[in-house]
């Protein structure tokens, strides 16, 4: 009888120890696996349009103004008195002169291309962006992705003067203002020392 009483507490202690071990094992399986490799989220490029004086331009044959989203492959066309800028986020910006039609393509891998059908365009590419401005006639300007840079191109016969100084923005590159124009030219490095075909023409005469 005494032998059974002495073994009773031992059996209870063993049962409790087994139960605690089982609970600990289940909690261990429920914990997240810290060795799992984190998923890398790729930043998607969202291109936004800004038009001078918020005047409408044409995107894929439809009227568009400031704030519109520009998808890759879009055909953009400006009127005689309207310029536009497409903000490409981490890739840079594309400035579009009046009387210009182009096709803009870009991707999340850092590639941007503006195919100018007629008119003039300036692509300011940031570092790690592979930019290109080309024409249907075979002209092409490309930058060094490691350094970024400014690419400027006009089709043959395109008007190269800026909007009148009375327009919003006070002249400069596509009516963006003199200060903005100087800042864009400065980023072009050595190319900035050459004559810039978008400089102001206050007299209104041909350059």
N, C-alpha and C. Protein backbone atom coordinates (compact mmCIF):
# COMPACT_ATOMS: atom_id res chain seq x y z
N UNK A 1 0.82 -1.19 0.00
CA UNK A 1 0.00 0.00 0.00
C UNK A 1 0.85 1.24 0.00
N UNK A 2 1.89 1.26 0.88
CA UNK A 2 2.79 2.40 0.96
C UNK A 2 3.55 2.57 -0.34
N UNK A 3 3.87 1.44 -0.99
CA UNK A 3 4.61 1.48 -2.26
C UNK A 3 3.78 2.20 -3.33
N UNK A 4 2.47 1.92 -3.38
CA UNK A 4 1.61 2.56 -4.35
C UNK A 4 1.50 4.06 -4.09
N UNK A 5 1.45 4.45 -2.79
CA UNK A 5 1.35 5.87 -2.47
C UNK A 5 2.61 6.62 -2.88
N UNK A 6 3.79 5.95 -2.69
CA UNK A 6 5.04 6.62 -3.07
C UNK A 6 5.14 6.78 -4.57
N UNK A 7 4.60 5.87 -5.36
CA UNK A 7 4.69 5.95 -6.82
C UNK A 7 3.66 6.91 -7.42
N UNK A 8 2.60 7.23 -6.65
CA UNK A 8 1.56 8.11 -7.17
C UNK A 8 2.09 9.49 -7.56
N UNK A 9 2.78 10.19 -6.66
CA UNK A 9 3.31 11.52 -7.02
C UNK A 9 4.28 11.48 -8.20
N UNK A 10 5.06 10.42 -8.29
CA UNK A 10 6.00 10.32 -9.42
C UNK A 10 5.25 10.22 -10.74
N UNK A 11 4.17 9.44 -10.75
CA UNK A 11 3.39 9.30 -11.98
C UNK A 11 2.75 10.62 -12.38
N UNK A 12 2.26 11.35 -11.37
CA UNK A 12 1.63 12.63 -11.66
C UNK A 12 2.67 13.62 -12.22
N UNK A 13 3.87 13.64 -11.60
CA UNK A 13 4.93 14.54 -12.05
C UNK A 13 5.35 14.21 -13.48
N UNK A 14 5.45 12.93 -13.80
CA UNK A 14 5.83 12.52 -15.15
C UNK A 14 4.78 12.95 -16.17
N UNK A 15 3.50 12.83 -15.77
CA UNK A 15 2.41 13.22 -16.67
C UNK A 15 2.44 14.72 -16.93
N UNK A 16 2.67 15.51 -15.88
CA UNK A 16 2.76 16.97 -16.04
C UNK A 16 3.92 17.37 -16.93
N UNK A 17 5.07 16.72 -16.74
CA UNK A 17 6.25 17.01 -17.55
C UNK A 17 5.99 16.71 -19.02
N UNK A 18 5.31 15.61 -19.29
CA UNK A 18 4.98 15.23 -20.66
C UNK A 18 4.03 16.25 -21.30
N UNK A 19 3.04 16.72 -20.49
CA UNK A 19 2.07 17.70 -21.01
C UNK A 19 2.76 19.01 -21.35
N UNK A 20 3.67 19.47 -20.47
CA UNK A 20 4.40 20.73 -20.73
C UNK A 20 5.25 20.61 -21.98
N UNK A 21 5.88 19.45 -22.16
CA UNK A 21 6.71 19.24 -23.34
C UNK A 21 5.88 19.29 -24.63
N UNK A 22 4.70 18.71 -24.58
CA UNK A 22 3.82 18.72 -25.75
C UNK A 22 3.38 20.14 -26.10
N UNK A 23 3.03 20.93 -25.07
CA UNK A 23 2.62 22.32 -25.31
C UNK A 23 3.77 23.13 -25.91
N UNK A 24 4.98 22.95 -25.36
CA UNK A 24 6.14 23.67 -25.89
C UNK A 24 6.43 23.31 -27.33
N UNK A 25 6.25 22.04 -27.68
CA UNK A 25 6.49 21.61 -29.05
C UNK A 25 5.50 22.23 -30.01
N UNK A 26 4.23 22.32 -29.63
CA UNK A 26 3.21 22.92 -30.48
C UNK A 26 3.45 24.42 -30.67
N UNK A 27 3.87 25.12 -29.62
CA UNK A 27 4.17 26.56 -29.72
C UNK A 27 5.35 26.78 -30.66
N UNK A 28 6.34 25.88 -30.58
CA UNK A 28 7.51 26.00 -31.45
C UNK A 28 7.14 25.88 -32.92
N UNK A 29 6.23 24.99 -33.25
CA UNK A 29 5.79 24.84 -34.64
C UNK A 29 4.98 26.05 -35.10
N UNK A 30 4.29 26.72 -34.15
CA UNK A 30 3.45 27.85 -34.52
C UNK A 30 4.25 29.11 -34.78
N UNK A 31 5.50 29.22 -34.28
CA UNK A 31 6.31 30.42 -34.48
C UNK A 31 6.70 30.58 -35.94
N UNK A 32 6.76 31.82 -36.43
CA UNK A 32 7.17 32.05 -37.83
C UNK A 32 8.60 31.65 -38.07
N UNK A 33 8.88 31.24 -39.28
CA UNK A 33 10.22 30.83 -39.65
C UNK A 33 11.03 32.05 -40.01
N UNK A 34 11.99 32.42 -39.14
CA UNK A 34 12.77 33.63 -39.36
C UNK A 34 13.77 33.50 -40.49
N UNK A 35 14.01 32.27 -40.95
CA UNK A 35 15.00 32.07 -42.00
C UNK A 35 14.41 32.25 -43.38
N UNK A 36 13.08 32.51 -43.46
CA UNK A 36 12.43 32.69 -44.76
C UNK A 36 12.93 33.97 -45.42
N UNK A 37 13.33 33.91 -46.66
CA UNK A 37 13.83 35.07 -47.38
C UNK A 37 12.71 36.06 -47.64
N UNK A 38 12.94 37.34 -47.31
CA UNK A 38 11.92 38.37 -47.50
C UNK A 38 11.70 38.62 -48.99
N UNK A 39 10.45 38.81 -49.37
CA UNK A 39 10.11 39.09 -50.76
C UNK A 39 10.45 40.53 -51.10
N UNK A 40 11.19 40.73 -52.18
CA UNK A 40 11.57 42.06 -52.61
C UNK A 40 10.45 42.65 -53.45
N UNK A 41 9.95 43.81 -53.04
CA UNK A 41 8.87 44.48 -53.76
C UNK A 41 9.49 45.46 -54.76
N UNK A 42 9.23 45.25 -56.03
CA UNK A 42 9.77 46.11 -57.07
C UNK A 42 8.91 47.37 -57.19
N UNK A 43 9.58 48.53 -57.15
CA UNK A 43 8.85 49.79 -57.27
C UNK A 43 8.36 49.97 -58.70
N UNK A 44 7.07 50.17 -58.88
CA UNK A 44 6.51 50.36 -60.19
C UNK A 44 6.50 51.84 -60.55
N UNK A 45 6.87 52.12 -61.79
CA UNK A 45 6.92 53.50 -62.26
C UNK A 45 5.51 53.98 -62.57
N UNK A 46 5.15 55.13 -62.04
CA UNK A 46 3.88 55.77 -62.36
C UNK A 46 4.19 57.13 -62.97
N UNK A 47 3.86 57.32 -64.23
CA UNK A 47 4.16 58.56 -64.94
C UNK A 47 2.98 59.51 -64.84
N UNK A 48 3.25 60.77 -64.48
CA UNK A 48 2.21 61.78 -64.32
C UNK A 48 2.45 62.94 -65.28
N UNK A 49 1.35 63.46 -65.81
CA UNK A 49 1.41 64.54 -66.79
C UNK A 49 1.19 65.90 -66.14
N UNK A 50 1.96 66.89 -66.60
CA UNK A 50 1.74 68.29 -66.26
C UNK A 50 1.74 69.09 -67.55
N UNK A 51 0.71 69.90 -67.75
CA UNK A 51 0.64 70.72 -68.96
C UNK A 51 0.74 72.20 -68.57
N UNK A 52 1.32 73.00 -69.45
CA UNK A 52 1.47 74.43 -69.19
C UNK A 52 0.10 75.09 -69.13
N UNK A 53 -0.11 75.86 -68.06
CA UNK A 53 -1.39 76.53 -67.82
C UNK A 53 -2.56 75.54 -67.70
N UNK A 54 -2.24 74.28 -67.46
CA UNK A 54 -3.26 73.23 -67.35
C UNK A 54 -4.11 73.11 -68.61
N UNK A 55 -3.55 73.52 -69.74
CA UNK A 55 -4.26 73.39 -71.01
C UNK A 55 -4.23 71.94 -71.46
N UNK A 56 -5.26 71.47 -72.14
CA UNK A 56 -5.31 70.06 -72.55
C UNK A 56 -4.38 69.76 -73.71
N UNK A 57 -3.86 68.54 -73.70
CA UNK A 57 -3.13 67.99 -74.83
C UNK A 57 -3.83 66.69 -75.19
N UNK A 58 -3.29 65.97 -76.14
CA UNK A 58 -3.91 64.72 -76.58
C UNK A 58 -3.03 63.53 -76.19
N UNK A 59 -3.63 62.55 -75.53
CA UNK A 59 -2.94 61.32 -75.17
C UNK A 59 -3.77 60.16 -75.71
N UNK A 60 -3.19 59.43 -76.64
CA UNK A 60 -3.90 58.32 -77.30
C UNK A 60 -5.22 58.79 -77.91
N UNK A 61 -5.20 60.01 -78.46
CA UNK A 61 -6.38 60.54 -79.13
C UNK A 61 -7.44 61.11 -78.20
N UNK A 62 -7.15 61.15 -76.88
CA UNK A 62 -8.12 61.65 -75.90
C UNK A 62 -7.52 62.86 -75.19
N UNK A 63 -8.34 63.85 -74.89
CA UNK A 63 -7.88 65.05 -74.19
C UNK A 63 -7.39 64.71 -72.78
N UNK A 64 -6.26 65.30 -72.39
CA UNK A 64 -5.70 65.06 -71.06
C UNK A 64 -5.05 66.33 -70.54
N UNK A 65 -5.12 66.53 -69.22
CA UNK A 65 -4.52 67.71 -68.59
C UNK A 65 -3.67 67.27 -67.40
N UNK A 66 -3.22 68.25 -66.63
CA UNK A 66 -2.35 68.01 -65.48
C UNK A 66 -2.95 66.97 -64.54
N UNK A 67 -2.12 66.03 -64.12
CA UNK A 67 -2.55 64.99 -63.18
C UNK A 67 -2.88 63.67 -63.83
N UNK A 68 -2.99 63.64 -65.15
CA UNK A 68 -3.32 62.40 -65.85
C UNK A 68 -2.17 61.40 -65.76
N UNK A 69 -2.51 60.13 -65.68
CA UNK A 69 -1.50 59.07 -65.68
C UNK A 69 -1.16 58.71 -67.12
N UNK A 70 0.13 58.65 -67.40
CA UNK A 70 0.61 58.31 -68.74
C UNK A 70 1.15 56.88 -68.73
N UNK A 71 0.48 55.98 -69.40
CA UNK A 71 0.91 54.59 -69.45
C UNK A 71 1.99 54.41 -70.51
N UNK A 72 2.79 53.38 -70.34
CA UNK A 72 3.82 53.10 -71.34
C UNK A 72 3.18 52.76 -72.68
N UNK A 73 3.82 53.26 -73.75
CA UNK A 73 3.28 53.06 -75.08
C UNK A 73 2.31 54.14 -75.52
N UNK A 74 2.11 55.17 -74.66
CA UNK A 74 1.15 56.22 -74.97
C UNK A 74 1.67 57.13 -76.08
N UNK A 75 0.76 57.57 -76.95
CA UNK A 75 1.07 58.56 -77.98
C UNK A 75 0.62 59.92 -77.45
N UNK A 76 1.58 60.84 -77.33
CA UNK A 76 1.32 62.16 -76.75
C UNK A 76 1.50 63.22 -77.82
N UNK A 77 0.54 64.15 -77.90
CA UNK A 77 0.62 65.21 -78.90
C UNK A 77 0.23 66.55 -78.27
N UNK A 78 1.09 67.55 -78.46
CA UNK A 78 0.82 68.89 -77.94
C UNK A 78 0.39 69.81 -79.07
N UNK A 79 -0.35 70.87 -78.71
CA UNK A 79 -0.81 71.84 -79.69
C UNK A 79 0.22 72.94 -79.90
N UNK A 80 -0.19 73.94 -80.69
CA UNK A 80 0.74 75.01 -81.06
C UNK A 80 1.17 75.86 -79.87
N UNK A 81 0.32 75.99 -78.86
CA UNK A 81 0.63 76.86 -77.72
C UNK A 81 0.71 76.09 -76.41
N UNK A 82 0.88 74.80 -76.47
CA UNK A 82 0.86 73.99 -75.25
C UNK A 82 2.08 73.09 -75.17
N UNK A 83 2.80 73.19 -74.07
CA UNK A 83 3.90 72.27 -73.80
C UNK A 83 3.50 71.38 -72.63
N UNK A 84 4.27 70.33 -72.40
CA UNK A 84 3.92 69.39 -71.34
C UNK A 84 5.17 68.74 -70.76
N UNK A 85 5.02 68.23 -69.55
CA UNK A 85 6.08 67.48 -68.88
C UNK A 85 5.51 66.19 -68.34
N UNK A 86 6.21 65.09 -68.56
CA UNK A 86 5.82 63.80 -67.99
C UNK A 86 6.83 63.45 -66.90
N UNK A 87 6.36 63.37 -65.66
CA UNK A 87 7.21 63.01 -64.54
C UNK A 87 7.25 61.49 -64.44
N UNK A 88 8.44 60.93 -64.66
CA UNK A 88 8.60 59.48 -64.66
C UNK A 88 9.14 58.95 -63.34
N UNK A 89 8.97 59.72 -62.28
CA UNK A 89 9.38 59.26 -60.95
C UNK A 89 10.86 58.96 -60.87
N UNK A 90 11.25 57.74 -60.49
CA UNK A 90 12.67 57.41 -60.32
C UNK A 90 13.45 57.39 -61.62
N UNK A 91 12.77 57.46 -62.76
CA UNK A 91 13.46 57.42 -64.05
C UNK A 91 13.86 58.80 -64.55
N UNK A 92 13.12 59.84 -64.19
CA UNK A 92 13.43 61.18 -64.65
C UNK A 92 12.20 61.90 -65.16
N UNK A 93 12.39 62.85 -66.09
CA UNK A 93 11.28 63.62 -66.65
C UNK A 93 11.45 63.76 -68.15
N UNK A 94 10.32 63.93 -68.82
CA UNK A 94 10.31 64.16 -70.27
C UNK A 94 9.57 65.46 -70.53
N UNK A 95 10.28 66.44 -71.14
CA UNK A 95 9.67 67.71 -71.49
C UNK A 95 9.34 67.68 -72.98
N UNK A 96 8.12 68.09 -73.29
CA UNK A 96 7.60 68.02 -74.66
C UNK A 96 7.25 69.42 -75.14
N UNK A 97 7.83 69.83 -76.25
CA UNK A 97 7.61 71.17 -76.80
C UNK A 97 6.25 71.27 -77.48
N UNK A 98 5.78 72.50 -77.73
CA UNK A 98 4.56 72.66 -78.52
C UNK A 98 4.73 72.04 -79.92
N UNK A 99 3.62 71.71 -80.54
CA UNK A 99 3.63 71.11 -81.88
C UNK A 99 4.51 69.86 -81.95
N UNK A 100 4.34 68.99 -80.98
CA UNK A 100 5.15 67.77 -80.91
C UNK A 100 4.24 66.55 -80.77
N UNK A 101 4.62 65.49 -81.43
CA UNK A 101 3.94 64.20 -81.29
C UNK A 101 5.00 63.13 -81.08
N UNK A 102 4.81 62.32 -80.06
CA UNK A 102 5.79 61.29 -79.76
C UNK A 102 5.12 60.08 -79.10
N UNK A 103 5.87 59.00 -79.06
CA UNK A 103 5.43 57.77 -78.38
C UNK A 103 6.39 57.52 -77.22
N UNK A 104 5.85 57.44 -76.02
CA UNK A 104 6.67 57.25 -74.82
C UNK A 104 6.53 55.83 -74.31
N UNK A 105 7.67 55.17 -74.13
CA UNK A 105 7.68 53.83 -73.54
C UNK A 105 8.66 53.81 -72.37
N UNK A 106 8.33 53.06 -71.35
CA UNK A 106 9.19 52.94 -70.17
C UNK A 106 8.85 51.64 -69.45
N UNK A 107 9.74 51.21 -68.54
CA UNK A 107 9.47 50.01 -67.76
C UNK A 107 10.11 50.12 -66.40
N UNK A 108 9.86 49.12 -65.55
CA UNK A 108 10.38 49.12 -64.19
C UNK A 108 11.85 48.73 -64.12
N UNK A 109 12.44 48.38 -65.24
CA UNK A 109 13.86 48.02 -65.27
C UNK A 109 14.75 49.23 -65.56
N UNK A 110 14.15 50.42 -65.64
CA UNK A 110 14.95 51.62 -65.83
C UNK A 110 15.14 52.04 -67.27
N UNK A 111 14.29 51.57 -68.17
CA UNK A 111 14.39 51.93 -69.59
C UNK A 111 13.32 52.96 -69.95
N UNK A 112 13.74 54.03 -70.64
CA UNK A 112 12.82 55.06 -71.10
C UNK A 112 13.18 55.41 -72.54
N UNK A 113 12.16 55.49 -73.39
CA UNK A 113 12.41 55.89 -74.79
C UNK A 113 11.28 56.79 -75.26
N UNK A 114 11.66 57.90 -75.90
CA UNK A 114 10.70 58.79 -76.54
C UNK A 114 10.97 58.77 -78.04
N UNK A 115 10.04 58.24 -78.80
CA UNK A 115 10.14 58.23 -80.25
C UNK A 115 9.39 59.45 -80.78
N UNK A 116 10.15 60.44 -81.23
CA UNK A 116 9.57 61.71 -81.66
C UNK A 116 9.14 61.59 -83.13
N UNK A 117 7.85 61.68 -83.37
CA UNK A 117 7.32 61.62 -84.73
C UNK A 117 7.52 62.98 -85.41
N UNK A 118 7.20 64.05 -84.70
CA UNK A 118 7.56 65.40 -85.14
C UNK A 118 7.62 66.30 -83.92
N UNK A 119 8.43 67.34 -84.01
CA UNK A 119 8.57 68.26 -82.89
C UNK A 119 9.87 68.08 -82.14
N UNK A 120 9.87 68.50 -80.87
CA UNK A 120 11.08 68.48 -80.04
C UNK A 120 10.77 67.91 -78.65
N UNK A 121 11.75 67.25 -78.07
CA UNK A 121 11.59 66.68 -76.73
C UNK A 121 12.93 66.68 -76.02
N UNK A 122 12.87 66.78 -74.69
CA UNK A 122 14.06 66.72 -73.84
C UNK A 122 13.82 65.68 -72.75
N UNK A 123 14.66 64.68 -72.69
CA UNK A 123 14.56 63.65 -71.65
C UNK A 123 15.67 63.86 -70.64
N UNK A 124 15.30 64.09 -69.39
CA UNK A 124 16.26 64.21 -68.31
C UNK A 124 16.25 62.90 -67.54
N UNK A 125 17.25 62.07 -67.78
CA UNK A 125 17.30 60.73 -67.18
C UNK A 125 18.12 60.75 -65.89
N UNK A 126 17.59 60.12 -64.86
CA UNK A 126 18.32 60.01 -63.60
C UNK A 126 19.35 58.87 -63.69
N UNK A 127 20.21 58.81 -62.68
CA UNK A 127 21.19 57.72 -62.63
C UNK A 127 20.48 56.37 -62.62
N UNK A 128 21.10 55.39 -63.25
CA UNK A 128 20.59 54.02 -63.38
C UNK A 128 19.41 53.95 -64.34
N UNK A 129 19.18 55.02 -65.10
CA UNK A 129 18.13 55.02 -66.11
C UNK A 129 18.75 54.98 -67.49
N UNK A 130 18.31 54.05 -68.31
CA UNK A 130 18.78 53.94 -69.69
C UNK A 130 17.80 54.69 -70.57
N UNK A 131 18.17 55.91 -70.94
CA UNK A 131 17.27 56.77 -71.70
C UNK A 131 17.64 56.85 -73.16
N UNK A 132 16.63 57.11 -73.98
CA UNK A 132 16.84 57.29 -75.41
C UNK A 132 15.76 58.20 -75.98
N UNK A 133 16.19 59.13 -76.83
CA UNK A 133 15.27 59.95 -77.61
C UNK A 133 15.62 59.72 -79.07
N UNK A 134 14.63 59.33 -79.88
CA UNK A 134 14.91 58.96 -81.27
C UNK A 134 13.82 59.52 -82.18
N UNK A 135 14.12 59.50 -83.47
CA UNK A 135 13.14 59.92 -84.47
C UNK A 135 12.93 58.78 -85.46
N UNK A 136 11.87 58.89 -86.22
CA UNK A 136 11.59 57.88 -87.24
C UNK A 136 12.60 57.94 -88.37
N UNK A 137 13.34 59.04 -88.47
CA UNK A 137 14.35 59.18 -89.52
C UNK A 137 15.68 58.54 -89.15
N UNK A 138 15.77 57.96 -87.95
CA UNK A 138 16.97 57.25 -87.56
C UNK A 138 17.87 58.01 -86.60
N UNK A 139 17.56 59.27 -86.29
CA UNK A 139 18.34 60.00 -85.29
C UNK A 139 18.11 59.37 -83.92
N UNK A 140 19.14 59.37 -83.09
CA UNK A 140 19.01 58.78 -81.77
C UNK A 140 20.04 59.37 -80.81
N UNK A 141 19.59 59.68 -79.61
CA UNK A 141 20.47 60.15 -78.54
C UNK A 141 20.27 59.24 -77.35
N UNK A 142 21.39 58.75 -76.78
CA UNK A 142 21.32 57.87 -75.63
C UNK A 142 22.26 58.38 -74.54
N UNK A 143 21.94 58.05 -73.30
CA UNK A 143 22.76 58.48 -72.19
C UNK A 143 23.53 57.31 -71.60
N UNK A 144 24.47 57.63 -70.73
CA UNK A 144 25.18 56.62 -69.95
C UNK A 144 24.37 56.34 -68.69
N UNK A 145 23.80 55.16 -68.54
CA UNK A 145 22.94 54.88 -67.37
C UNK A 145 23.64 55.13 -66.04
N UNK A 146 24.95 54.98 -65.99
CA UNK A 146 25.67 55.17 -64.73
C UNK A 146 25.65 56.63 -64.29
N UNK A 147 25.50 57.54 -65.22
CA UNK A 147 25.57 58.96 -64.90
C UNK A 147 24.27 59.71 -65.13
N UNK A 148 23.32 59.10 -65.83
CA UNK A 148 22.11 59.83 -66.20
C UNK A 148 22.43 60.82 -67.30
N UNK A 149 21.71 61.94 -67.35
CA UNK A 149 22.01 62.96 -68.34
C UNK A 149 20.78 63.50 -69.02
N UNK A 150 21.00 64.52 -69.87
CA UNK A 150 19.93 65.19 -70.59
C UNK A 150 20.07 64.90 -72.08
N UNK A 151 18.98 64.45 -72.69
CA UNK A 151 18.96 64.12 -74.11
C UNK A 151 17.98 65.06 -74.80
N UNK A 152 18.42 65.75 -75.86
CA UNK A 152 17.59 66.71 -76.56
C UNK A 152 17.54 66.34 -78.03
N UNK A 153 16.35 66.39 -78.61
CA UNK A 153 16.23 66.00 -80.02
C UNK A 153 15.02 66.66 -80.65
N UNK A 154 15.21 67.15 -81.90
CA UNK A 154 14.13 67.71 -82.71
C UNK A 154 14.12 67.02 -84.06
N UNK A 155 12.94 66.86 -84.61
CA UNK A 155 12.86 66.32 -85.96
C UNK A 155 13.21 67.44 -86.95
N UNK A 156 13.64 67.10 -88.16
CA UNK A 156 13.98 68.11 -89.16
C UNK A 156 12.81 69.06 -89.42
N UNK A 157 13.10 70.36 -89.40
CA UNK A 157 12.08 71.35 -89.70
C UNK A 157 11.21 71.73 -88.53
N UNK A 158 11.44 71.14 -87.36
CA UNK A 158 10.61 71.47 -86.19
C UNK A 158 10.97 72.85 -85.67
N UNK A 159 9.96 73.59 -85.20
CA UNK A 159 10.21 74.90 -84.59
C UNK A 159 10.94 74.70 -83.27
N UNK A 160 11.98 75.51 -83.04
CA UNK A 160 12.80 75.32 -81.85
C UNK A 160 12.71 76.49 -80.88
N UNK A 161 11.84 77.46 -81.12
CA UNK A 161 11.71 78.57 -80.18
C UNK A 161 10.74 78.22 -79.08
N UNK A 162 10.88 78.89 -77.94
CA UNK A 162 10.02 78.63 -76.79
C UNK A 162 8.73 79.41 -76.92
N UNK A 163 7.73 79.10 -76.07
CA UNK A 163 6.51 79.90 -76.06
C UNK A 163 6.82 81.36 -75.71
N UNK A 164 5.91 82.24 -76.01
CA UNK A 164 6.12 83.66 -75.76
C UNK A 164 6.32 83.93 -74.27
N UNK A 165 7.06 84.99 -73.98
CA UNK A 165 7.39 85.29 -72.59
C UNK A 165 6.16 85.66 -71.78
N UNK A 166 5.06 85.94 -72.42
CA UNK A 166 3.84 86.29 -71.69
C UNK A 166 3.10 85.09 -71.16
N UNK A 167 3.50 83.91 -71.54
CA UNK A 167 2.81 82.70 -71.08
C UNK A 167 3.26 82.34 -69.68
N UNK A 168 2.47 81.49 -69.02
CA UNK A 168 2.83 81.07 -67.66
C UNK A 168 4.15 80.35 -67.69
N UNK A 169 4.98 80.60 -66.69
CA UNK A 169 6.30 79.99 -66.64
C UNK A 169 7.36 80.97 -67.08
N UNK A 170 7.01 82.06 -67.78
CA UNK A 170 7.97 83.10 -68.09
C UNK A 170 9.03 82.68 -69.06
N UNK A 171 8.69 81.90 -70.08
CA UNK A 171 9.68 81.51 -71.08
C UNK A 171 10.53 80.36 -70.61
N UNK A 172 11.75 80.27 -71.19
CA UNK A 172 12.63 79.18 -70.81
C UNK A 172 12.24 77.91 -71.54
N UNK A 173 12.76 76.80 -71.07
CA UNK A 173 12.53 75.50 -71.70
C UNK A 173 11.05 75.16 -71.70
N UNK A 174 10.41 75.21 -72.87
CA UNK A 174 9.01 74.86 -73.04
C UNK A 174 8.10 75.65 -72.11
N UNK A 175 8.50 76.89 -71.78
CA UNK A 175 7.67 77.71 -70.90
C UNK A 175 7.81 77.34 -69.44
N UNK A 176 8.88 76.62 -69.07
CA UNK A 176 9.05 76.19 -67.68
C UNK A 176 9.74 77.24 -66.82
N UNK A 177 10.21 78.33 -67.42
CA UNK A 177 10.89 79.37 -66.65
C UNK A 177 12.39 79.31 -66.84
N UNK A 178 13.03 80.48 -66.72
CA UNK A 178 14.47 80.53 -66.94
C UNK A 178 15.25 79.72 -65.92
N UNK A 179 14.83 79.78 -64.64
CA UNK A 179 15.56 79.07 -63.59
C UNK A 179 15.54 77.57 -63.84
N UNK A 180 14.38 77.04 -64.20
CA UNK A 180 14.27 75.60 -64.47
C UNK A 180 15.10 75.22 -65.69
N UNK A 181 15.11 76.11 -66.68
CA UNK A 181 15.89 75.83 -67.89
C UNK A 181 17.37 75.74 -67.57
N UNK A 182 17.86 76.70 -66.76
CA UNK A 182 19.27 76.69 -66.40
C UNK A 182 19.62 75.44 -65.62
N UNK A 183 18.72 75.03 -64.72
CA UNK A 183 18.99 73.83 -63.91
C UNK A 183 19.08 72.59 -64.78
N UNK A 184 18.20 72.49 -65.77
CA UNK A 184 18.22 71.32 -66.66
C UNK A 184 19.47 71.32 -67.51
N UNK A 185 19.85 72.50 -68.02
CA UNK A 185 21.06 72.56 -68.86
C UNK A 185 22.29 72.19 -68.05
N UNK A 186 22.33 72.62 -66.78
CA UNK A 186 23.50 72.36 -65.95
C UNK A 186 23.74 70.89 -65.75
N UNK A 187 22.68 70.09 -65.69
CA UNK A 187 22.82 68.65 -65.48
C UNK A 187 23.36 67.94 -66.71
N UNK A 188 23.42 68.64 -67.80
CA UNK A 188 23.89 68.00 -69.02
C UNK A 188 25.39 67.90 -69.10
N UNK A 189 26.10 68.49 -68.12
CA UNK A 189 27.56 68.38 -68.12
C UNK A 189 28.19 69.17 -69.23
N UNK A 190 29.06 68.51 -69.95
CA UNK A 190 29.80 69.18 -71.01
C UNK A 190 28.90 69.68 -72.11
N UNK A 191 27.77 68.99 -72.31
CA UNK A 191 26.86 69.39 -73.38
C UNK A 191 26.25 70.75 -73.11
N UNK A 192 26.30 71.19 -71.86
CA UNK A 192 25.68 72.46 -71.53
C UNK A 192 26.44 73.64 -72.12
N UNK A 193 27.70 73.44 -72.51
CA UNK A 193 28.49 74.52 -73.06
C UNK A 193 28.14 74.82 -74.50
N UNK A 194 27.39 73.93 -75.16
CA UNK A 194 27.00 74.15 -76.54
C UNK A 194 25.74 74.98 -76.59
N UNK A 195 25.45 75.69 -77.71
CA UNK A 195 24.21 76.48 -77.81
C UNK A 195 23.00 75.60 -77.61
N UNK A 196 22.05 76.09 -76.86
CA UNK A 196 20.85 75.30 -76.52
C UNK A 196 19.70 75.74 -77.41
N UNK A 197 19.11 74.82 -78.16
CA UNK A 197 18.16 75.22 -79.17
C UNK A 197 16.80 75.62 -78.62
N UNK A 198 16.61 75.52 -77.27
CA UNK A 198 15.34 75.96 -76.68
C UNK A 198 15.48 77.29 -75.94
N UNK A 199 16.56 78.05 -76.17
CA UNK A 199 16.72 79.30 -75.46
C UNK A 199 15.68 80.31 -75.93
N UNK A 200 15.45 81.33 -75.07
CA UNK A 200 14.43 82.32 -75.38
C UNK A 200 14.75 83.09 -76.65
N UNK A 201 13.72 83.54 -77.33
CA UNK A 201 13.86 84.36 -78.53
C UNK A 201 12.89 85.53 -78.41
N UNK A 202 13.25 86.53 -77.55
CA UNK A 202 12.30 87.58 -77.23
C UNK A 202 11.81 88.35 -78.45
N UNK A 203 12.65 88.44 -79.47
CA UNK A 203 12.26 89.22 -80.63
C UNK A 203 11.17 88.58 -81.45
N UNK A 204 11.00 87.26 -81.27
CA UNK A 204 9.98 86.53 -82.00
C UNK A 204 10.44 86.18 -83.40
N UNK A 205 11.67 86.54 -83.77
CA UNK A 205 12.20 86.20 -85.08
C UNK A 205 12.77 84.81 -85.08
N UNK A 206 12.97 84.24 -86.26
CA UNK A 206 13.51 82.90 -86.35
C UNK A 206 14.94 82.91 -85.88
N UNK A 207 15.45 81.82 -85.22
CA UNK A 207 16.83 81.80 -84.72
C UNK A 207 17.82 81.78 -85.88
